[in-house]
């Protein structure tokens, strides 16, 4: 399988759990020129009235400055690997199976298909696990 496998920084911020809470934060990143490839937002049940948003990538200085103004930081506890390639039936099962065989425990896993391509984000607990996931999937 011909895959593009690379480590990515994930940025996280708290957001208000109300209509427009996510939109407000994303608008600031858009104004700074961010071309986000992945966004995940959810409520924070342990903190009523709050949610959390994860994004990648933030690249330019202006994007990073704008992100910092609305509370984004690079996550230090979540390490992510992006995997891209041609879609086919069972690709998610194959990827997660190879990682399991290699002893990589997943903190999170998201995959989407657009046309003939898939993109997956693999969340792990450490930089060592991210490196190991890259080695495993890069040799696929």
N, C-alpha and C. Protein backbone atom coordinates (compact mmCIF):
# COMPACT_ATOMS: atom_id res chain seq x y z
N UNK A 1 0.85 -1.16 0.00
CA UNK A 1 0.00 0.00 0.00
C UNK A 1 0.90 1.23 0.00
N UNK A 2 0.67 2.14 -0.91
CA UNK A 2 1.46 3.36 -1.00
C UNK A 2 0.81 4.44 -0.14
N UNK A 3 1.45 4.79 0.98
CA UNK A 3 0.87 5.73 1.93
C UNK A 3 1.79 6.91 2.18
N UNK A 4 1.19 8.06 2.47
CA UNK A 4 1.93 9.20 3.01
C UNK A 4 1.67 9.19 4.50
N UNK A 5 2.72 9.03 5.29
CA UNK A 5 2.61 8.92 6.74
C UNK A 5 3.51 9.97 7.36
N UNK A 6 2.94 10.86 8.20
CA UNK A 6 3.76 11.92 8.80
C UNK A 6 3.19 12.34 10.15
N UNK A 7 4.08 12.79 11.01
CA UNK A 7 3.66 13.32 12.31
C UNK A 7 3.11 14.71 12.11
N UNK A 8 2.07 15.05 12.85
CA UNK A 8 1.49 16.39 12.78
C UNK A 8 1.30 16.92 14.19
N UNK A 9 1.44 18.23 14.34
CA UNK A 9 1.14 18.87 15.61
C UNK A 9 -0.36 19.09 15.69
N UNK A 10 -0.93 18.79 16.84
CA UNK A 10 -2.34 19.04 17.10
C UNK A 10 -2.42 20.20 18.09
N UNK A 11 -3.25 21.17 17.77
CA UNK A 11 -3.46 22.34 18.62
C UNK A 11 -4.83 22.21 19.28
N UNK A 12 -4.92 22.58 20.54
CA UNK A 12 -6.18 22.47 21.28
C UNK A 12 -6.51 23.78 21.99
N UNK A 13 -7.81 24.03 22.12
CA UNK A 13 -8.27 25.21 22.86
C UNK A 13 -9.62 24.89 23.49
N UNK A 14 -9.89 25.56 24.59
CA UNK A 14 -11.22 25.50 25.18
C UNK A 14 -12.13 26.44 24.40
N UNK A 15 -13.39 26.05 24.27
CA UNK A 15 -14.38 26.90 23.62
C UNK A 15 -15.61 26.94 24.50
N UNK A 16 -16.43 27.95 24.30
CA UNK A 16 -17.69 28.04 25.03
C UNK A 16 -18.69 27.05 24.43
N UNK A 17 -19.38 26.35 25.29
CA UNK A 17 -20.40 25.40 24.85
C UNK A 17 -21.71 26.17 24.69
N UNK A 18 -21.80 26.88 23.57
CA UNK A 18 -22.98 27.66 23.24
C UNK A 18 -22.99 27.87 21.72
N UNK A 19 -24.12 28.22 21.16
CA UNK A 19 -24.15 28.48 19.72
C UNK A 19 -23.10 29.53 19.34
N UNK A 20 -22.27 29.21 18.38
CA UNK A 20 -21.24 30.14 17.92
C UNK A 20 -19.90 29.99 18.62
N UNK A 21 -19.83 29.18 19.67
CA UNK A 21 -18.56 29.03 20.39
C UNK A 21 -17.45 28.53 19.48
N UNK A 22 -17.73 27.52 18.70
CA UNK A 22 -16.74 26.98 17.76
C UNK A 22 -16.55 27.94 16.59
N UNK A 23 -17.64 28.46 16.06
CA UNK A 23 -17.56 29.35 14.89
C UNK A 23 -16.69 30.57 15.18
N UNK A 24 -16.80 31.13 16.37
CA UNK A 24 -16.01 32.31 16.72
C UNK A 24 -14.51 32.03 16.67
N UNK A 25 -14.11 30.89 17.22
CA UNK A 25 -12.70 30.53 17.25
C UNK A 25 -12.18 30.23 15.84
N UNK A 26 -12.97 29.48 15.07
CA UNK A 26 -12.54 29.15 13.71
C UNK A 26 -12.47 30.38 12.82
N UNK A 27 -13.34 31.35 13.04
CA UNK A 27 -13.31 32.59 12.25
C UNK A 27 -12.01 33.35 12.47
N UNK A 28 -11.52 33.35 13.69
CA UNK A 28 -10.25 34.02 13.98
C UNK A 28 -9.10 33.33 13.25
N UNK A 29 -9.11 32.00 13.25
CA UNK A 29 -8.07 31.27 12.52
C UNK A 29 -8.18 31.51 11.02
N UNK A 30 -9.41 31.54 10.50
CA UNK A 30 -9.61 31.82 9.06
C UNK A 30 -9.06 33.19 8.70
N UNK A 31 -9.35 34.20 9.51
CA UNK A 31 -8.87 35.55 9.25
C UNK A 31 -7.35 35.61 9.23
N UNK A 32 -6.71 34.76 10.02
CA UNK A 32 -5.24 34.72 10.06
C UNK A 32 -4.66 33.91 8.90
N UNK A 33 -5.53 33.29 8.08
CA UNK A 33 -5.05 32.55 6.92
C UNK A 33 -4.91 31.06 7.10
N UNK A 34 -5.40 30.54 8.22
CA UNK A 34 -5.26 29.10 8.48
C UNK A 34 -6.06 28.30 7.46
N UNK A 35 -5.44 27.28 6.91
CA UNK A 35 -6.08 26.33 6.00
C UNK A 35 -6.11 24.99 6.73
N UNK A 36 -7.10 24.83 7.59
CA UNK A 36 -7.17 23.66 8.45
C UNK A 36 -7.53 22.41 7.66
N UNK A 37 -6.86 21.33 7.98
CA UNK A 37 -7.13 20.06 7.33
C UNK A 37 -7.96 19.13 8.23
N UNK A 38 -7.98 19.44 9.52
CA UNK A 38 -8.69 18.57 10.45
C UNK A 38 -9.17 19.40 11.63
N UNK A 39 -10.44 19.24 11.97
CA UNK A 39 -11.05 19.92 13.11
C UNK A 39 -11.94 18.91 13.83
N UNK A 40 -11.76 18.79 15.12
CA UNK A 40 -12.64 17.98 15.96
C UNK A 40 -13.01 18.85 17.15
N UNK A 41 -14.30 18.93 17.43
CA UNK A 41 -14.77 19.68 18.59
C UNK A 41 -15.76 18.82 19.35
N UNK A 42 -15.75 18.98 20.67
CA UNK A 42 -16.69 18.23 21.50
C UNK A 42 -16.91 18.98 22.80
N UNK A 43 -17.98 18.62 23.46
CA UNK A 43 -18.24 19.17 24.78
C UNK A 43 -17.23 18.59 25.77
N UNK A 44 -17.05 19.30 26.86
CA UNK A 44 -16.22 18.81 27.96
C UNK A 44 -17.16 18.53 29.13
N UNK A 45 -17.69 17.29 29.22
CA UNK A 45 -18.71 17.01 30.24
C UNK A 45 -18.24 17.28 31.67
N UNK A 46 -16.95 17.21 31.88
CA UNK A 46 -16.42 17.48 33.23
C UNK A 46 -16.37 18.97 33.54
N UNK A 47 -16.62 19.81 32.52
CA UNK A 47 -16.60 21.27 32.69
C UNK A 47 -17.85 21.85 32.02
N UNK A 48 -18.97 21.88 32.73
CA UNK A 48 -20.20 22.41 32.14
C UNK A 48 -19.99 23.81 31.56
N UNK A 49 -20.53 24.02 30.36
CA UNK A 49 -20.40 25.32 29.70
C UNK A 49 -19.17 25.44 28.83
N UNK A 50 -18.33 24.39 28.81
CA UNK A 50 -17.10 24.43 28.00
C UNK A 50 -17.06 23.26 27.03
N UNK A 51 -16.28 23.46 26.00
CA UNK A 51 -15.96 22.41 25.05
C UNK A 51 -14.48 22.49 24.74
N UNK A 52 -14.05 21.64 23.85
CA UNK A 52 -12.66 21.64 23.42
C UNK A 52 -12.64 21.44 21.91
N UNK A 53 -11.69 22.10 21.27
CA UNK A 53 -11.52 21.96 19.83
C UNK A 53 -10.06 21.61 19.56
N UNK A 54 -9.86 20.68 18.64
CA UNK A 54 -8.53 20.25 18.20
C UNK A 54 -8.43 20.57 16.71
N UNK A 55 -7.30 21.17 16.29
CA UNK A 55 -7.11 21.51 14.88
C UNK A 55 -5.69 21.18 14.44
N UNK A 56 -5.54 20.99 13.15
CA UNK A 56 -4.23 20.86 12.52
C UNK A 56 -4.38 21.19 11.05
N UNK A 57 -3.43 21.78 10.39
CA UNK A 57 -2.21 22.37 10.93
C UNK A 57 -2.38 23.86 11.20
N UNK A 58 -1.52 24.39 12.02
CA UNK A 58 -1.30 25.83 12.14
C UNK A 58 0.17 26.02 11.78
N UNK A 59 0.43 26.86 10.77
CA UNK A 59 1.78 26.89 10.23
C UNK A 59 2.49 28.23 10.32
N UNK A 60 1.86 29.28 9.84
CA UNK A 60 2.57 30.56 9.77
C UNK A 60 2.58 31.25 11.13
N UNK A 61 3.47 32.22 11.27
CA UNK A 61 3.54 32.99 12.50
C UNK A 61 2.22 33.70 12.78
N UNK A 62 1.57 34.24 11.75
CA UNK A 62 0.31 34.94 11.97
C UNK A 62 -0.79 33.98 12.43
N UNK A 63 -0.80 32.76 11.90
CA UNK A 63 -1.78 31.76 12.34
C UNK A 63 -1.54 31.39 13.81
N UNK A 64 -0.30 31.20 14.16
CA UNK A 64 0.05 30.79 15.52
C UNK A 64 -0.24 31.91 16.51
N UNK A 65 0.04 33.17 16.13
CA UNK A 65 -0.28 34.30 17.00
C UNK A 65 -1.79 34.40 17.22
N UNK A 66 -2.55 34.29 16.14
CA UNK A 66 -4.02 34.37 16.27
C UNK A 66 -4.54 33.23 17.12
N UNK A 67 -4.00 32.04 16.92
CA UNK A 67 -4.43 30.88 17.71
C UNK A 67 -4.14 31.10 19.19
N UNK A 68 -2.98 31.64 19.49
CA UNK A 68 -2.60 31.88 20.89
C UNK A 68 -3.56 32.88 21.54
N UNK A 69 -4.02 33.84 20.77
CA UNK A 69 -4.94 34.85 21.32
C UNK A 69 -6.28 34.26 21.75
N UNK A 70 -6.68 33.14 21.15
CA UNK A 70 -7.94 32.50 21.53
C UNK A 70 -7.72 31.21 22.32
N UNK A 71 -6.49 31.05 22.84
CA UNK A 71 -6.23 29.97 23.79
C UNK A 71 -5.68 28.67 23.24
N UNK A 72 -5.28 28.64 21.96
CA UNK A 72 -4.72 27.41 21.40
C UNK A 72 -3.28 27.21 21.86
N UNK A 73 -2.96 25.96 22.13
CA UNK A 73 -1.60 25.52 22.42
C UNK A 73 -1.38 24.19 21.72
N UNK A 74 -0.13 23.91 21.38
CA UNK A 74 0.20 22.58 20.86
C UNK A 74 0.00 21.61 22.01
N UNK A 75 -0.70 20.52 21.74
CA UNK A 75 -0.92 19.54 22.80
C UNK A 75 0.39 18.83 23.10
N UNK A 76 0.68 18.68 24.37
CA UNK A 76 1.90 17.97 24.78
C UNK A 76 1.60 16.52 25.15
N UNK A 77 0.33 16.22 25.38
CA UNK A 77 -0.02 14.85 25.79
C UNK A 77 -0.63 14.04 24.66
N UNK A 78 -0.98 14.68 23.55
CA UNK A 78 -1.55 13.98 22.41
C UNK A 78 -0.60 14.11 21.23
N UNK A 79 -0.18 13.00 20.72
CA UNK A 79 0.72 12.98 19.57
C UNK A 79 -0.04 12.34 18.41
N UNK A 80 0.10 12.94 17.23
CA UNK A 80 -0.72 12.48 16.11
C UNK A 80 0.11 12.19 14.88
N UNK A 81 -0.40 11.23 14.11
CA UNK A 81 0.19 10.83 12.84
C UNK A 81 -0.92 10.90 11.80
N UNK A 82 -0.64 11.57 10.68
CA UNK A 82 -1.60 11.61 9.57
C UNK A 82 -1.19 10.57 8.55
N UNK A 83 -2.18 9.81 8.07
CA UNK A 83 -1.95 8.76 7.08
C UNK A 83 -2.89 9.03 5.91
N UNK A 84 -2.33 9.11 4.71
CA UNK A 84 -3.15 9.37 3.53
C UNK A 84 -2.83 8.35 2.45
N UNK A 85 -3.86 7.97 1.69
CA UNK A 85 -3.64 7.01 0.61
C UNK A 85 -4.92 6.74 -0.15
N UNK A 86 -4.85 5.78 -1.07
CA UNK A 86 -6.01 5.37 -1.85
C UNK A 86 -6.96 4.57 -0.97
N UNK A 87 -8.23 4.90 -1.06
CA UNK A 87 -9.24 4.19 -0.28
C UNK A 87 -9.53 2.83 -0.90
N UNK A 88 -9.87 1.90 -0.03
CA UNK A 88 -10.35 0.59 -0.46
C UNK A 88 -11.04 -0.05 0.74
N UNK A 89 -11.91 -1.00 0.51
CA UNK A 89 -12.60 -1.64 1.64
C UNK A 89 -11.61 -2.22 2.65
N UNK A 90 -11.86 -1.94 3.92
CA UNK A 90 -11.06 -2.52 4.99
C UNK A 90 -9.78 -1.78 5.33
N UNK A 91 -9.55 -0.61 4.74
CA UNK A 91 -8.27 0.08 4.99
C UNK A 91 -8.13 0.47 6.46
N UNK A 92 -9.20 0.91 7.11
CA UNK A 92 -9.11 1.28 8.52
C UNK A 92 -8.77 0.06 9.38
N UNK A 93 -9.39 -1.07 9.07
CA UNK A 93 -9.09 -2.30 9.81
C UNK A 93 -7.64 -2.72 9.60
N UNK A 94 -7.15 -2.57 8.37
CA UNK A 94 -5.76 -2.93 8.10
C UNK A 94 -4.78 -2.03 8.86
N UNK A 95 -5.02 -0.73 8.83
CA UNK A 95 -4.13 0.20 9.53
C UNK A 95 -4.11 -0.07 11.03
N UNK A 96 -5.30 -0.17 11.63
CA UNK A 96 -5.35 -0.38 13.07
C UNK A 96 -4.82 -1.76 13.45
N UNK A 97 -5.00 -2.75 12.58
CA UNK A 97 -4.44 -4.08 12.84
C UNK A 97 -2.93 -4.07 12.85
N UNK A 98 -2.33 -3.37 11.90
CA UNK A 98 -0.86 -3.29 11.85
C UNK A 98 -0.32 -2.58 13.09
N UNK A 99 -1.01 -1.51 13.50
CA UNK A 99 -0.56 -0.80 14.70
C UNK A 99 -0.68 -1.70 15.93
N UNK A 100 -1.77 -2.45 16.02
CA UNK A 100 -1.94 -3.38 17.15
C UNK A 100 -0.85 -4.44 17.16
N UNK A 101 -0.56 -5.01 15.99
CA UNK A 101 0.50 -6.01 15.89
C UNK A 101 1.84 -5.45 16.32
N UNK A 102 2.05 -4.15 16.05
CA UNK A 102 3.29 -3.49 16.43
C UNK A 102 3.31 -3.00 17.86
N UNK A 103 2.22 -3.23 18.60
CA UNK A 103 2.19 -2.84 20.01
C UNK A 103 1.87 -1.38 20.27
N UNK A 104 1.29 -0.70 19.28
CA UNK A 104 0.95 0.72 19.46
C UNK A 104 -0.49 0.82 19.97
N UNK A 105 -0.65 1.39 21.16
CA UNK A 105 -1.97 1.60 21.74
C UNK A 105 -2.52 2.93 21.23
N UNK A 106 -3.75 2.92 20.74
CA UNK A 106 -4.35 4.12 20.17
C UNK A 106 -5.08 4.93 21.23
N UNK A 107 -4.82 6.21 21.22
CA UNK A 107 -5.56 7.13 22.07
C UNK A 107 -6.81 7.61 21.34
N UNK A 108 -6.70 7.68 20.02
CA UNK A 108 -7.82 8.08 19.19
C UNK A 108 -7.53 7.69 17.75
N UNK A 109 -8.59 7.58 16.96
CA UNK A 109 -8.44 7.23 15.55
C UNK A 109 -9.62 7.82 14.80
N UNK A 110 -9.33 8.60 13.77
CA UNK A 110 -10.36 9.19 12.92
C UNK A 110 -9.97 8.97 11.48
N UNK A 111 -10.95 8.63 10.64
CA UNK A 111 -10.67 8.44 9.23
C UNK A 111 -11.85 8.95 8.42
N UNK A 112 -11.55 9.52 7.27
CA UNK A 112 -12.59 9.99 6.35
C UNK A 112 -12.14 9.69 4.93
N UNK A 113 -13.12 9.56 4.04
CA UNK A 113 -12.85 9.30 2.64
C UNK A 113 -13.46 10.43 1.81
N UNK A 114 -12.67 10.94 0.87
CA UNK A 114 -13.15 11.91 -0.09
C UNK A 114 -12.75 11.39 -1.47
N UNK A 115 -13.74 11.09 -2.27
CA UNK A 115 -13.45 10.52 -3.58
C UNK A 115 -12.76 9.18 -3.44
N UNK A 116 -11.57 9.09 -4.01
CA UNK A 116 -10.83 7.83 -3.97
C UNK A 116 -9.74 7.82 -2.90
N UNK A 117 -9.63 8.89 -2.12
CA UNK A 117 -8.57 9.02 -1.13
C UNK A 117 -9.12 8.92 0.29
N UNK A 118 -8.31 8.41 1.20
CA UNK A 118 -8.66 8.45 2.62
C UNK A 118 -7.61 9.26 3.35
N UNK A 119 -8.01 9.82 4.47
CA UNK A 119 -7.07 10.45 5.38
C UNK A 119 -7.45 9.99 6.78
N UNK A 120 -6.45 9.52 7.52
CA UNK A 120 -6.65 9.05 8.89
C UNK A 120 -5.74 9.82 9.82
N UNK A 121 -6.23 10.07 11.01
CA UNK A 121 -5.42 10.67 12.06
C UNK A 121 -5.37 9.67 13.20
N UNK A 122 -4.16 9.31 13.56
CA UNK A 122 -3.91 8.33 14.61
C UNK A 122 -3.38 9.08 15.82
N UNK A 123 -4.09 9.02 16.93
CA UNK A 123 -3.66 9.66 18.16
C UNK A 123 -3.01 8.64 19.08
N UNK A 124 -1.83 8.98 19.59
CA UNK A 124 -1.10 8.10 20.51
C UNK A 124 -0.62 8.91 21.70
N UNK A 125 -0.06 8.23 22.71
CA UNK A 125 0.28 8.88 23.97
C UNK A 125 1.67 9.49 24.06
N UNK A 126 2.57 9.11 23.17
CA UNK A 126 3.95 9.61 23.31
C UNK A 126 4.60 9.81 21.94
N UNK A 127 5.67 10.57 21.94
CA UNK A 127 6.43 10.77 20.72
C UNK A 127 7.03 9.44 20.26
N UNK A 128 7.45 8.60 21.19
CA UNK A 128 7.97 7.28 20.83
C UNK A 128 6.92 6.45 20.10
N UNK A 129 5.67 6.51 20.60
CA UNK A 129 4.59 5.78 19.92
C UNK A 129 4.32 6.35 18.53
N UNK A 130 4.40 7.67 18.39
CA UNK A 130 4.20 8.29 17.07
C UNK A 130 5.29 7.84 16.11
N UNK A 131 6.52 7.81 16.57
CA UNK A 131 7.64 7.36 15.74
C UNK A 131 7.44 5.90 15.34
N UNK A 132 7.02 5.09 16.29
CA UNK A 132 6.78 3.67 16.02
C UNK A 132 5.64 3.50 15.00
N UNK A 133 4.57 4.28 15.14
CA UNK A 133 3.45 4.21 14.20
C UNK A 133 3.89 4.61 12.79
N UNK A 134 4.72 5.62 12.69
CA UNK A 134 5.24 6.05 11.40
C UNK A 134 6.07 4.95 10.76
N UNK A 135 6.92 4.32 11.56
CA UNK A 135 7.75 3.21 11.04
C UNK A 135 6.88 2.06 10.57
N UNK A 136 5.87 1.70 11.35
CA UNK A 136 4.99 0.57 10.99
C UNK A 136 4.21 0.87 9.72
N UNK A 137 3.55 2.02 9.69
CA UNK A 137 2.68 2.34 8.57
C UNK A 137 3.46 2.81 7.35
N UNK A 138 4.63 3.38 7.57
CA UNK A 138 5.46 3.82 6.45
C UNK A 138 6.05 2.67 5.68
N UNK A 139 6.09 1.50 6.29
CA UNK A 139 6.63 0.30 5.62
C UNK A 139 5.52 -0.59 5.08
N UNK A 140 4.32 -0.04 5.01
CA UNK A 140 3.15 -0.81 4.56
C UNK A 140 3.07 -0.78 3.06
